[in-house]
Structures are given as C-alpha cells and as structure tokens.
Protein backbone atom coordinates (compact mmCIF):
# COMPACT_ATOMS: atom_id res chain seq x y z
CA MET A 1 67.50 97.68 88.58
CA CYS A 2 70.37 97.69 90.92
CA LYS A 3 73.58 97.07 88.77
CA LEU A 4 75.36 94.75 91.12
CA SER A 5 78.81 96.59 90.15
CA GLY A 6 81.59 98.39 91.68
CA LEU A 7 82.63 96.71 95.03
CA ALA A 8 86.28 96.57 94.29
CA MET A 9 86.66 99.97 93.23
CA ALA A 10 89.24 101.51 95.51
CA THR A 11 86.80 103.88 97.63
CA THR A 12 84.64 101.22 98.88
CA GLY A 13 87.14 100.51 101.96
CA PHE A 14 88.12 96.95 101.03
CA ASP A 15 91.35 97.92 100.85
CA PHE A 16 92.21 94.74 98.04
CA HIS A 17 93.86 97.56 96.50
CA LEU A 18 96.68 97.35 98.82
CA ARG A 19 97.52 93.62 99.35
CA LYS A 20 100.61 92.24 97.99
CA LEU A 21 98.85 89.71 96.45
CA PRO A 22 94.98 90.12 94.68
CA PRO A 23 92.31 88.17 97.00
CA THR A 24 91.00 85.19 95.67
CA SER A 25 87.62 85.00 94.36
CA HIS A 26 86.33 83.06 97.42
CA GLU A 27 87.45 86.11 99.87
CA LEU A 28 85.54 88.36 97.45
CA ALA A 29 82.76 86.75 97.66
CA GLU A 30 82.78 86.44 102.01
CA ALA A 31 83.68 90.25 101.30
CA TRP A 32 80.49 91.42 99.21
CA ARG A 33 77.98 89.04 100.26
CA PRO A 34 76.71 90.80 102.76
CA TYR A 35 75.95 94.22 99.73
CA ILE A 36 75.13 91.79 97.18
CA LEU A 37 72.87 89.52 99.24
CA HIS A 38 71.09 92.50 100.50
CA CYS A 39 70.22 94.48 97.46
CA ILE A 40 68.54 91.44 96.52
CA ASP A 41 66.16 90.97 98.79
CA CYS A 42 65.24 94.78 98.52
CA PHE A 43 64.82 94.63 94.95
CA GLY A 44 64.30 90.96 94.09
CA VAL A 45 65.83 88.65 91.54
CA ASP A 46 63.67 90.06 88.65
CA ARG A 47 65.02 94.07 88.96
CA CYS A 48 69.14 93.33 89.99
CA MET A 49 71.81 91.81 87.61
CA PHE A 50 75.03 91.05 87.67
CA ALA A 51 77.71 93.69 86.04
CA SER A 52 81.49 94.75 85.08
CA ASN A 53 83.02 97.78 86.11
CA PHE A 54 86.51 97.23 84.29
CA PRO A 55 88.65 98.45 83.96
CA VAL A 56 88.37 100.55 87.43
CA ASP A 57 87.62 97.43 89.67
CA LYS A 58 91.04 96.00 87.87
CA ILE A 59 92.74 97.98 91.16
CA SER A 60 91.48 95.20 93.06
CA CYS A 61 90.73 92.14 91.38
CA SER A 62 90.61 90.57 88.22
CA TYR A 63 88.22 90.39 85.92
CA THR A 64 88.02 86.11 86.15
CA ASN A 65 88.10 86.45 90.22
CA CYS A 66 85.09 89.82 89.85
CA PHE A 67 82.59 87.36 88.19
CA ASN A 68 83.45 83.76 90.22
CA ALA A 69 82.61 85.76 93.57
CA PHE A 70 79.65 86.62 91.77
CA LYS A 71 78.95 83.25 90.91
CA LEU A 72 80.30 81.87 94.77
CA ILE A 73 77.37 84.57 96.33
CA VAL A 74 74.62 83.10 94.48
CA LYS A 75 75.77 79.69 94.01
CA ASP A 76 72.78 78.56 96.09
CA PHE A 77 69.93 80.22 94.45
CA GLY A 78 67.46 78.64 91.83
CA GLU A 79 69.23 78.18 87.62
CA GLU A 80 66.33 80.88 86.83
CA GLU A 81 67.20 83.14 88.98
CA LYS A 82 71.28 83.50 88.33
CA HIS A 83 69.99 83.18 84.51
CA LYS A 84 67.79 87.15 85.09
CA LEU A 85 70.80 87.85 87.44
CA PHE A 86 73.85 87.45 85.08
CA TYR A 87 71.96 87.92 81.73
CA GLN A 88 68.18 87.56 81.58
CA ASN A 89 67.96 90.76 84.01
CA ALA A 90 70.62 92.72 81.22
CA VAL A 91 68.94 92.03 77.77
CA ARG A 92 65.53 93.24 79.17
CA ILE A 93 66.90 96.54 80.91
CA TYR A 94 69.58 97.37 77.61
CA ARG A 95 67.12 95.82 75.06
CA LEU A 96 69.54 93.81 73.26
CA ASN A 97 68.18 91.71 70.24
CA ILE A 98 69.61 88.26 71.28
CA ALA A 99 68.05 84.80 69.74
CA ASP A 100 65.95 82.69 72.33
CA ASN A 101 66.73 85.14 75.27
CA ASN A 102 65.03 82.92 77.64
CA LYS A 103 66.79 80.14 77.64
CA LEU A 104 69.68 79.27 80.15
CA ASN A 105 72.84 78.22 77.65
CA LYS A 106 73.51 74.64 78.75
CA ASN A 107 77.39 75.33 78.32
CA SER A 108 77.10 78.32 80.99
CA ARG A 109 79.40 77.63 83.35
CA ILE A 110 76.99 80.30 86.17
C-alpha cells in the first residue's frame, strides 16, 4: 500500500513553509501532481490512498488546502477510482467496520 501524504513537510524541498503566505490548493496540486501520479501509476488505485499527515504538514498548508489539492490532482479520475483513493482502500487496509463501505456517499465532495 502506498500512503499518499507528507508532501507538505518542511523536509520535502518544496519550501512552502518559508513563504509569507501559505500556498493555495492549486499551487500544492501543481507541485505535488507529478509525485502523486507517479505513485498511482506504479502502485495502481487499488494500492494507494490519500492520507493526512497533520499536524506535521501544518507548517506549510492547511488541512483543507491539502485535501483540496489531492482532489484537484485526481479530478479527471473516475468516481470509483476516487472512492478507492479517498475512502475504500483505507477501510479495507485498516479493516474498519463501516456499514455499506462500497457505496460512495452522495453528499461527498470528492
């Protein structure tokens, strides 16, 4: 399993933590896109999941901007693929007991 997270840490080399203003979701997506897509290409959507690395990533961006960047990166993916990356793979790998984990919540903003 490839956990897609931690790119906002100060040690990754993007230097967002040195800026006066935090990056937008679009700026994060642009910087992270090649790395995220490479991981998904190598491992496939069945073996990747987006994850939070907070509070460590807070040095560079907000939680909201981080996850919005993830959503922008995979905006052209199919609904089933996004459901796996943002939800279903985590439920499966962590063996979470969540009722009806195969259906995408219609109120989801993924």
